[in-house]
Amino acid sequence: MYRLVSEGVLPHTPPMYLRLSAQLAQARREGRFPDLIDTAREVHVPSAWPDEDAFVAEMPGWFRLDRSAGQKRALYVAAEKDPP
């Protein structure tokens, strides 16, 4: 929906969203619509260890000092979406 709106193909209105949603749901039920796969995101799984010894052995590798401590400014780079 939002890609079509941003490209000017569809108006960004509630009736259009509902209509498109209904048409896509019908196409999925009829097998005319591919499975949706989100290639822009990862599935985050919490870390786990087989036992406490494995956990303790890995723990020292996590230690980091705050490299921005005491600095007046910090620079952050972020991306919201994959490029088309």
PDB file of N, CA and C in Angstrom:
ATOM      1  N   MET A   1       0.826  -1.202   0.000  1.00  0.00           N
ATOM      2  CA  MET A   1       0.000   0.000   0.000  1.00  0.00           C
ATOM      3  C   MET A   1       0.859   1.251   0.000  1.00  0.00           C
ATOM      4  N   TYR A   2       1.834   1.299   0.938  1.00  0.00           N
ATOM      5  CA  TYR A   2       2.607   2.527   1.091  1.00  0.00           C
ATOM      6  C   TYR A   2       3.549   2.758  -0.082  1.00  0.00           C
ATOM      7  N   ARG A   3       4.035   1.686  -0.665  1.00  0.00           N
ATOM      8  CA  ARG A   3       4.878   1.859  -1.854  1.00  0.00           C
ATOM      9  C   ARG A   3       4.043   2.399  -3.018  1.00  0.00           C
ATOM     10  N   LEU A   4       2.852   1.871  -3.181  1.00  0.00           N
ATOM     11  CA  LEU A   4       1.976   2.358  -4.254  1.00  0.00           C
ATOM     12  C   LEU A   4       1.562   3.803  -4.010  1.00  0.00           C
ATOM     13  N   VAL A   5       1.316   4.160  -2.757  1.00  0.00           N
ATOM     14  CA  VAL A   5       0.970   5.553  -2.422  1.00  0.00           C
ATOM     15  C   VAL A   5       2.155   6.466  -2.708  1.00  0.00           C
ATOM     16  N   SER A   6       3.353   6.055  -2.298  1.00  0.00           N
ATOM     17  CA  SER A   6       4.535   6.916  -2.499  1.00  0.00           C
ATOM     18  C   SER A   6       4.860   7.101  -3.970  1.00  0.00           C
ATOM     19  N   GLU A   7       4.488   6.128  -4.797  1.00  0.00           N
ATOM     20  CA  GLU A   7       4.726   6.248  -6.235  1.00  0.00           C
ATOM     21  C   GLU A   7       3.562   6.929  -6.956  1.00  0.00           C
ATOM     22  N   GLY A   8       2.530   7.331  -6.208  1.00  0.00           N
ATOM     23  CA  GLY A   8       1.402   8.050  -6.801  1.00  0.00           C
ATOM     24  C   GLY A   8       0.412   7.163  -7.524  1.00  0.00           C
ATOM     25  N   VAL A   9       0.488   5.846  -7.323  1.00  0.00           N
ATOM     26  CA  VAL A   9      -0.418   4.924  -8.005  1.00  0.00           C
ATOM     27  C   VAL A   9      -1.777   4.872  -7.315  1.00  0.00           C
ATOM     28  N   LEU A  10      -1.775   4.954  -5.975  1.00  0.00           N
ATOM     29  CA  LEU A  10      -3.021   4.910  -5.206  1.00  0.00           C
ATOM     30  C   LEU A  10      -3.102   6.120  -4.278  1.00  0.00           C
ATOM     31  N   PRO A  11      -4.315   6.589  -3.989  1.00  0.00           N
ATOM     32  CA  PRO A  11      -4.460   7.653  -2.994  1.00  0.00           C
ATOM     33  C   PRO A  11      -4.324   7.068  -1.590  1.00  0.00           C
ATOM     34  N   HIS A  12      -3.836   7.855  -0.660  1.00  0.00           N
ATOM     35  CA  HIS A  12      -3.671   7.399   0.720  1.00  0.00           C
ATOM     36  C   HIS A  12      -4.922   7.742   1.510  1.00  0.00           C
ATOM     37  N   THR A  13      -5.931   6.885   1.379  1.00  0.00           N
ATOM     38  CA  THR A  13      -7.204   7.104   2.067  1.00  0.00           C
ATOM     39  C   THR A  13      -7.647   5.801   2.737  1.00  0.00           C
ATOM     40  N   PRO A  14      -8.406   5.889   3.824  1.00  0.00           N
ATOM     41  CA  PRO A  14      -8.907   4.668   4.466  1.00  0.00           C
ATOM     42  C   PRO A  14      -9.725   3.764   3.533  1.00  0.00           C
ATOM     43  N   PRO A  15     -10.624   4.320   2.704  1.00  0.00           N
ATOM     44  CA  PRO A  15     -11.383   3.429   1.808  1.00  0.00           C
ATOM     45  C   PRO A  15     -10.461   2.664   0.833  1.00  0.00           C
ATOM     46  N   MET A  16      -9.414   3.333   0.339  1.00  0.00           N
ATOM     47  CA  MET A  16      -8.511   2.659  -0.596  1.00  0.00           C
ATOM     48  C   MET A  16      -7.737   1.555   0.113  1.00  0.00           C
ATOM     49  N   TYR A  17      -7.310   1.819   1.352  1.00  0.00           N
ATOM     50  CA  TYR A  17      -6.591   0.811   2.127  1.00  0.00           C
ATOM     51  C   TYR A  17      -7.477  -0.415   2.352  1.00  0.00           C
ATOM     52  N   LEU A  18      -8.735  -0.201   2.755  1.00  0.00           N
ATOM     53  CA  LEU A  18      -9.660  -1.309   2.988  1.00  0.00           C
ATOM     54  C   LEU A  18      -9.932  -2.086   1.707  1.00  0.00           C
ATOM     55  N   ARG A  19     -10.098  -1.371   0.604  1.00  0.00           N
ATOM     56  CA  ARG A  19     -10.368  -2.035  -0.675  1.00  0.00           C
ATOM     57  C   ARG A  19      -9.182  -2.885  -1.110  1.00  0.00           C
ATOM     58  N   LEU A  20      -7.970  -2.331  -1.022  1.00  0.00           N
ATOM     59  CA  LEU A  20      -6.778  -3.071  -1.403  1.00  0.00           C
ATOM     60  C   LEU A  20      -6.596  -4.282  -0.489  1.00  0.00           C
ATOM     61  N   SER A  21      -6.815  -4.097   0.810  1.00  0.00           N
ATOM     62  CA  SER A  21      -6.681  -5.193   1.759  1.00  0.00           C
ATOM     63  C   SER A  21      -7.644  -6.325   1.429  1.00  0.00           C
ATOM     64  N   ALA A  22      -8.877  -5.995   1.123  1.00  0.00           N
ATOM     65  CA  ALA A  22      -9.880  -7.006   0.784  1.00  0.00           C
ATOM     66  C   ALA A  22      -9.498  -7.748  -0.501  1.00  0.00           C
ATOM     67  N   GLN A  23      -9.012  -6.997  -1.498  1.00  0.00           N
ATOM     68  CA  GLN A  23      -8.622  -7.634  -2.757  1.00  0.00           C
ATOM     69  C   GLN A  23      -7.422  -8.565  -2.574  1.00  0.00           C
ATOM     70  N   LEU A  24      -6.449  -8.154  -1.756  1.00  0.00           N
ATOM     71  CA  LEU A  24      -5.283  -9.000  -1.518  1.00  0.00           C
ATOM     72  C   LEU A  24      -5.667 -10.244  -0.720  1.00  0.00           C
ATOM     73  N   ALA A  25      -6.540 -10.101   0.268  1.00  0.00           N
ATOM     74  CA  ALA A  25      -6.995 -11.254   1.045  1.00  0.00           C
ATOM     75  C   ALA A  25      -7.711 -12.259   0.138  1.00  0.00           C
ATOM     76  N   GLN A  26      -8.547 -11.766  -0.761  1.00  0.00           N
ATOM     77  CA  GLN A  26      -9.261 -12.649  -1.697  1.00  0.00           C
ATOM     78  C   GLN A  26      -8.268 -13.354  -2.623  1.00  0.00           C
ATOM     79  N   ALA A  27      -7.282 -12.627  -3.110  1.00  0.00           N
ATOM     80  CA  ALA A  27      -6.263 -13.227  -3.991  1.00  0.00           C
ATOM     81  C   ALA A  27      -5.472 -14.300  -3.246  1.00  0.00           C
ATOM     82  N   ARG A  28      -5.149 -14.073  -1.971  1.00  0.00           N
ATOM     83  CA  ARG A  28      -4.442 -15.097  -1.172  1.00  0.00           C
ATOM     84  C   ARG A  28      -5.304 -16.347  -1.014  1.00  0.00           C
ATOM     85  N   ARG A  29      -6.585 -16.160  -0.706  1.00  0.00           N
ATOM     86  CA  ARG A  29      -7.485 -17.307  -0.537  1.00  0.00           C
ATOM     87  C   ARG A  29      -7.587 -18.123  -1.820  1.00  0.00           C
ATOM     88  N   GLU A  30      -7.530 -17.457  -2.954  1.00  0.00           N
ATOM     89  CA  GLU A  30      -7.651 -18.130  -4.252  1.00  0.00           C
ATOM     90  C   GLU A  30      -6.310 -18.628  -4.782  1.00  0.00           C
ATOM     91  N   GLY A  31      -5.224 -18.390  -4.031  1.00  0.00           N
ATOM     92  CA  GLY A  31      -3.906 -18.851  -4.466  1.00  0.00           C
ATOM     93  C   GLY A  31      -3.292 -18.018  -5.574  1.00  0.00           C
ATOM     94  N   ARG A  32      -3.770 -16.789  -5.760  1.00  0.00           N
ATOM     95  CA  ARG A  32      -3.254 -15.911  -6.817  1.00  0.00           C
ATOM     96  C   ARG A  32      -2.260 -14.880  -6.301  1.00  0.00           C
ATOM     97  N   PHE A  33      -1.813 -15.020  -5.056  1.00  0.00           N
ATOM     98  CA  PHE A  33      -0.914 -14.034  -4.471  1.00  0.00           C
ATOM     99  C   PHE A  33       0.249 -14.779  -3.817  1.00  0.00           C
ATOM    100  N   PRO A  34       1.490 -14.339  -4.068  1.00  0.00           N
ATOM    101  CA  PRO A  34       2.639 -15.063  -3.506  1.00  0.00           C
ATOM    102  C   PRO A  34       2.742 -14.881  -1.994  1.00  0.00           C
ATOM    103  N   ASP A  35       3.461 -15.801  -1.354  1.00  0.00           N
ATOM    104  CA  ASP A  35       3.744 -15.646   0.073  1.00  0.00           C
ATOM    105  C   ASP A  35       4.512 -14.359   0.293  1.00  0.00           C
ATOM    106  N   LEU A  36       4.217 -13.681   1.390  1.00  0.00           N
ATOM    107  CA  LEU A  36       4.908 -12.440   1.714  1.00  0.00           C
ATOM    108  C   LEU A  36       6.193 -12.752   2.474  1.00  0.00           C
ATOM    109  N   ILE A  37       7.309 -12.231   2.002  1.00  0.00           N
ATOM    110  CA  ILE A  37       8.597 -12.416   2.651  1.00  0.00           C
ATOM    111  C   ILE A  37       9.210 -11.045   2.863  1.00  0.00           C
ATOM    112  N   ASP A  38       9.569 -10.735   4.094  1.00  0.00           N
ATOM    113  CA  ASP A  38      10.179  -9.452   4.423  1.00  0.00           C
ATOM    114  C   ASP A  38      11.697  -9.625   4.428  1.00  0.00           C
ATOM    115  N   THR A  39      12.356  -9.184   3.343  1.00  0.00           N
ATOM    116  CA  THR A  39      13.808  -9.346   3.227  1.00  0.00           C
ATOM    117  C   THR A  39      14.572  -8.246   3.946  1.00  0.00           C
ATOM    118  N   ALA A  40      13.854  -7.285   4.527  1.00  0.00           N
ATOM    119  CA  ALA A  40      14.526  -6.154   5.163  1.00  0.00           C
ATOM    120  C   ALA A  40      14.736  -6.359   6.663  1.00  0.00           C
ATOM    121  N   ARG A  41      14.178  -7.394   7.229  1.00  0.00           N
ATOM    122  CA  ARG A  41      14.271  -7.573   8.676  1.00  0.00           C
ATOM    123  C   ARG A  41      14.861  -8.932   9.019  1.00  0.00           C
ATOM    124  N   GLU A  42      15.393  -9.026  10.219  1.00  0.00           N
ATOM    125  CA  GLU A  42      15.925 -10.277  10.728  1.00  0.00           C
ATOM    126  C   GLU A  42      15.056 -10.751  11.879  1.00  0.00           C
ATOM    127  N   VAL A  43      15.059 -12.040  12.101  1.00  0.00           N
ATOM    128  CA  VAL A  43      14.395 -12.586  13.273  1.00  0.00           C
ATOM    129  C   VAL A  43      15.445 -12.643  14.370  1.00  0.00           C
ATOM    130  N   HIS A  44      15.182 -11.962  15.462  1.00  0.00           N
ATOM    131  CA  HIS A  44      16.129 -11.938  16.575  1.00  0.00           C
ATOM    132  C   HIS A  44      15.718 -12.992  17.598  1.00  0.00           C
ATOM    133  N   VAL A  45      16.637 -13.904  17.859  1.00  0.00           N
ATOM    134  CA  VAL A  45      16.398 -14.979  18.811  1.00  0.00           C
ATOM    135  C   VAL A  45      17.272 -14.723  20.032  1.00  0.00           C
ATOM    136  N   PRO A  46      16.700 -14.742  21.224  1.00  0.00           N
ATOM    137  CA  PRO A  46      17.518 -14.527  22.419  1.00  0.00           C
ATOM    138  C   PRO A  46      18.638 -15.569  22.514  1.00  0.00           C
ATOM    139  N   SER A  47      19.778 -15.138  23.001  1.00  0.00           N
ATOM    140  CA  SER A  47      20.905 -16.046  23.152  1.00  0.00           C
ATOM    141  C   SER A  47      20.579 -17.134  24.165  1.00  0.00           C
ATOM    142  N   ALA A  48      21.167 -18.300  23.944  1.00  0.00           N
ATOM    143  CA  ALA A  48      20.994 -19.424  24.868  1.00  0.00           C
ATOM    144  C   ALA A  48      22.277 -20.241  24.882  1.00  0.00           C
ATOM    145  N   TRP A  49      22.516 -20.921  25.967  1.00  0.00           N
ATOM    146  CA  TRP A  49      23.728 -21.719  26.128  1.00  0.00           C
ATOM    147  C   TRP A  49      23.336 -23.088  26.652  1.00  0.00           C
ATOM    148  N   PRO A  50      24.124 -24.097  26.360  1.00  0.00           N
ATOM    149  CA  PRO A  50      23.774 -25.443  26.831  1.00  0.00           C
ATOM    150  C   PRO A  50      23.909 -25.614  28.345  1.00  0.00           C
ATOM    151  N   ASP A  51      24.780 -24.793  28.955  1.00  0.00           N
ATOM    152  CA  ASP A  51      24.943 -24.868  30.408  1.00  0.00           C
ATOM    153  C   ASP A  51      25.656 -23.610  30.900  1.00  0.00           C
ATOM    154  N   GLU A  52      25.778 -23.463  32.231  1.00  0.00           N
ATOM    155  CA  GLU A  52      26.367 -22.242  32.794  1.00  0.00           C
ATOM    156  C   GLU A  52      27.857 -22.116  32.463  1.00  0.00           C
ATOM    157  N   ASP A  53      28.568 -23.223  32.293  1.00  0.00           N
ATOM    158  CA  ASP A  53      29.992 -23.145  31.945  1.00  0.00           C
ATOM    159  C   ASP A  53      30.189 -22.509  30.565  1.00  0.00           C
ATOM    160  N   ALA A  54      29.346 -22.869  29.627  1.00  0.00           N
ATOM    161  CA  ALA A  54      29.426 -22.283  28.284  1.00  0.00           C
ATOM    162  C   ALA A  54      29.124 -20.787  28.339  1.00  0.00           C
ATOM    163  N   PHE A  55      28.142 -20.408  29.151  1.00  0.00           N
ATOM    164  CA  PHE A  55      27.795 -18.996  29.317  1.00  0.00           C
ATOM    165  C   PHE A  55      28.971 -18.213  29.897  1.00  0.00           C
ATOM    166  N   VAL A  56      29.560 -18.709  30.980  1.00  0.00           N
ATOM    167  CA  VAL A  56      30.667 -18.021  31.635  1.00  0.00           C
ATOM    168  C   VAL A  56      31.883 -17.947  30.720  1.00  0.00           C
ATOM    169  N   ALA A  57      32.119 -18.955  29.911  1.00  0.00           N
ATOM    170  CA  ALA A  57      33.260 -18.953  28.986  1.00  0.00           C
ATOM    171  C   ALA A  57      33.106 -17.885  27.910  1.00  0.00           C
ATOM    172  N   GLU A  58      31.888 -17.626  27.485  1.00  0.00           N
ATOM    173  CA  GLU A  58      31.641 -16.646  26.419  1.00  0.00           C
ATOM    174  C   GLU A  58      31.564 -15.213  26.936  1.00  0.00           C
ATOM    175  N   MET A  59      31.212 -15.025  28.175  1.00  0.00           N
ATOM    176  CA  MET A  59      30.950 -13.713  28.758  1.00  0.00           C
ATOM    177  C   MET A  59      32.098 -12.702  28.620  1.00  0.00           C
ATOM    178  N   PRO A  60      33.396 -13.039  28.825  1.00  0.00           N
ATOM    179  CA  PRO A  60      34.452 -12.023  28.720  1.00  0.00           C
ATOM    180  C   PRO A  60      34.517 -11.330  27.361  1.00  0.00           C
ATOM    181  N   GLY A  61      34.089 -11.998  26.308  1.00  0.00           N
ATOM    182  CA  GLY A  61      34.095 -11.397  24.980  1.00  0.00           C
ATOM    183  C   GLY A  61      33.090 -10.277  24.803  1.00  0.00           C
ATOM    184  N   TRP A  62      32.165 -10.135  25.751  1.00  0.00           N
ATOM    185  CA  TRP A  62      31.140  -9.096  25.653  1.00  0.00           C
ATOM    186  C   TRP A  62      31.579  -7.772  26.253  1.00  0.00           C
ATOM    187  N   PHE A  63      32.677  -7.767  27.002  1.00  0.00           N
ATOM    188  CA  PHE A  63      33.098  -6.547  27.693  1.00  0.00           C
ATOM    189  C   PHE A  63      33.528  -5.479  26.698  1.00  0.00           C
ATOM    190  N   ARG A  64      32.997  -4.279  26.820  1.00  0.00           N
ATOM    191  CA  ARG A  64      33.351  -3.134  25.974  1.00  0.00           C
ATOM    192  C   ARG A  64      33.336  -1.883  26.830  1.00  0.00           C
ATOM    193  N   LEU A  65      34.262  -0.989  26.572  1.00  0.00           N
ATOM    194  CA  LEU A  65      34.233   0.323  27.198  1.00  0.00           C
ATOM    195  C   LEU A  65      33.372   1.244  26.352  1.00  0.00           C
ATOM    196  N   ASP A  66      32.729   2.223  26.963  1.00  0.00           N
ATOM    197  CA  ASP A  66      31.935   3.212  26.247  1.00  0.00           C
ATOM    198  C   ASP A  66      32.892   4.190  25.575  1.00  0.00           C
ATOM    199  N   ARG A  67      33.075   4.062  24.276  1.00  0.00           N
ATOM    200  CA  ARG A  67      34.039   4.905  23.553  1.00  0.00           C
ATOM    201  C   ARG A  67      33.589   6.349  23.413  1.00  0.00           C
ATOM    202  N   SER A  68      32.311   6.614  23.696  1.00  0.00           N
ATOM    203  CA  SER A  68      31.827   7.988  23.595  1.00  0.00           C
ATOM    204  C   SER A  68      31.780   8.676  24.969  1.00  0.00           C
ATOM    205  N   ALA A  69      32.198   7.995  26.018  1.00  0.00           N
ATOM    206  CA  ALA A  69      32.171   8.584  27.365  1.00  0.00           C
ATOM    207  C   ALA A  69      33.049   9.843  27.391  1.00  0.00           C
ATOM    208  N   GLY A  70      32.490  10.944  27.878  1.00  0.00           N
ATOM    209  CA  GLY A  70      33.221  12.193  27.990  1.00  0.00           C
ATOM    210  C   GLY A  70      33.207  13.055  26.738  1.00  0.00           C
ATOM    211  N   GLN A  71      32.652  12.562  25.651  1.00  0.00           N
ATOM    212  CA  GLN A  71      32.593  13.360  24.416  1.00  0.00           C
ATOM    213  C   GLN A  71      31.381  14.278  24.455  1.00  0.00           C
ATOM    214  N   LYS A  72      31.518  15.459  23.846  1.00  0.00           N
ATOM    215  CA  LYS A  72      30.405  16.406  23.807  1.00  0.00           C
ATOM    216  C   LYS A  72      29.342  15.999  22.798  1.00  0.00           C
ATOM    217  N   ARG A  73      29.739  15.302  21.743  1.00  0.00           N
ATOM    218  CA  ARG A  73      28.805  14.943  20.672  1.00  0.00           C
ATOM    219  C   ARG A  73      29.001  13.483  20.282  1.00  0.00           C
ATOM    220  N   ALA A  74      27.941  12.909  19.732  1.00  0.00           N
ATOM    221  CA  ALA A  74      28.008  11.543  19.217  1.00  0.00           C
ATOM    222  C   ALA A  74      27.372  11.536  17.833  1.00  0.00           C
ATOM    223  N   LEU A  75      27.897  10.716  16.965  1.00  0.00           N
ATOM    224  CA  LEU A  75      27.386  10.598  15.597  1.00  0.00           C
ATOM    225  C   LEU A  75      26.702   9.248  15.457  1.00  0.00           C
ATOM    226  N   TYR A  76      25.458   9.240  14.973  1.00  0.00           N
ATOM    227  CA  TYR A  76      24.711   8.013  14.746  1.00  0.00           C
ATOM    228  C   TYR A  76      24.285   7.961  13.291  1.00  0.00           C
ATOM    229  N   VAL A  77      24.354   6.795  12.701  1.00  0.00           N
ATOM    230  CA  VAL A  77      23.897   6.580  11.322  1.00  0.00           C
ATOM    231  C   VAL A  77      22.799   5.544  11.381  1.00  0.00           C
ATOM    232  N   ALA A  78      21.663   5.841  10.780  1.00  0.00           N
ATOM    233  CA  ALA A  78      20.531   4.907  10.798  1.00  0.00           C
ATOM    234  C   ALA A  78      19.893   4.864   9.422  1.00  0.00           C
ATOM    235  N   ALA A  79      19.309   3.724   9.093  1.00  0.00           N
ATOM    236  CA  ALA A  79      18.568   3.563   7.834  1.00  0.00           C
ATOM    237  C   ALA A  79      17.211   2.988   8.164  1.00  0.00           C
ATOM    238  N   GLU A  80      16.175   3.568   7.574  1.00  0.00           N
ATOM    239  CA  GLU A  80      14.820   3.121   7.880  1.00  0.00           C
ATOM    240  C   GLU A  80      14.363   2.002   6.953  1.00  0.00           C
ATOM    241  N   LYS A  81      14.706   2.092   5.687  1.00  0.00           N
ATOM    242  CA  LYS A  81      14.183   1.129   4.709  1.00  0.00           C
ATOM    243  C   LYS A  81      15.292   0.684   3.766  1.00  0.00           C
ATOM    244  N   ASP A  82      15.077  -0.479   3.144  1.00  0.00           N
ATOM    245  CA  ASP A  82      15.977  -0.921   2.075  1.00  0.00           C
ATOM    246  C   ASP A  82      15.737  -0.045   0.858  1.00  0.00           C
ATOM    247  N   PRO A  83      16.792   0.224   0.076  1.00  0.00           N
ATOM    248  CA  PRO A  83      16.561   0.979  -1.166  1.00  0.00           C
ATOM    249  C   PRO A  83      15.788   0.099  -2.151  1.00  0.00           C
ATOM    250  N   PRO A  84      15.028   0.713  -3.056  1.00  0.00           N
ATOM    251  CA  PRO A  84      14.239  -0.092  -4.013  1.00  0.00           C
ATOM    252  C   PRO A  84      15.125  -0.850  -4.976  1.00  0.00           C
TER     253      PRO A  84
END
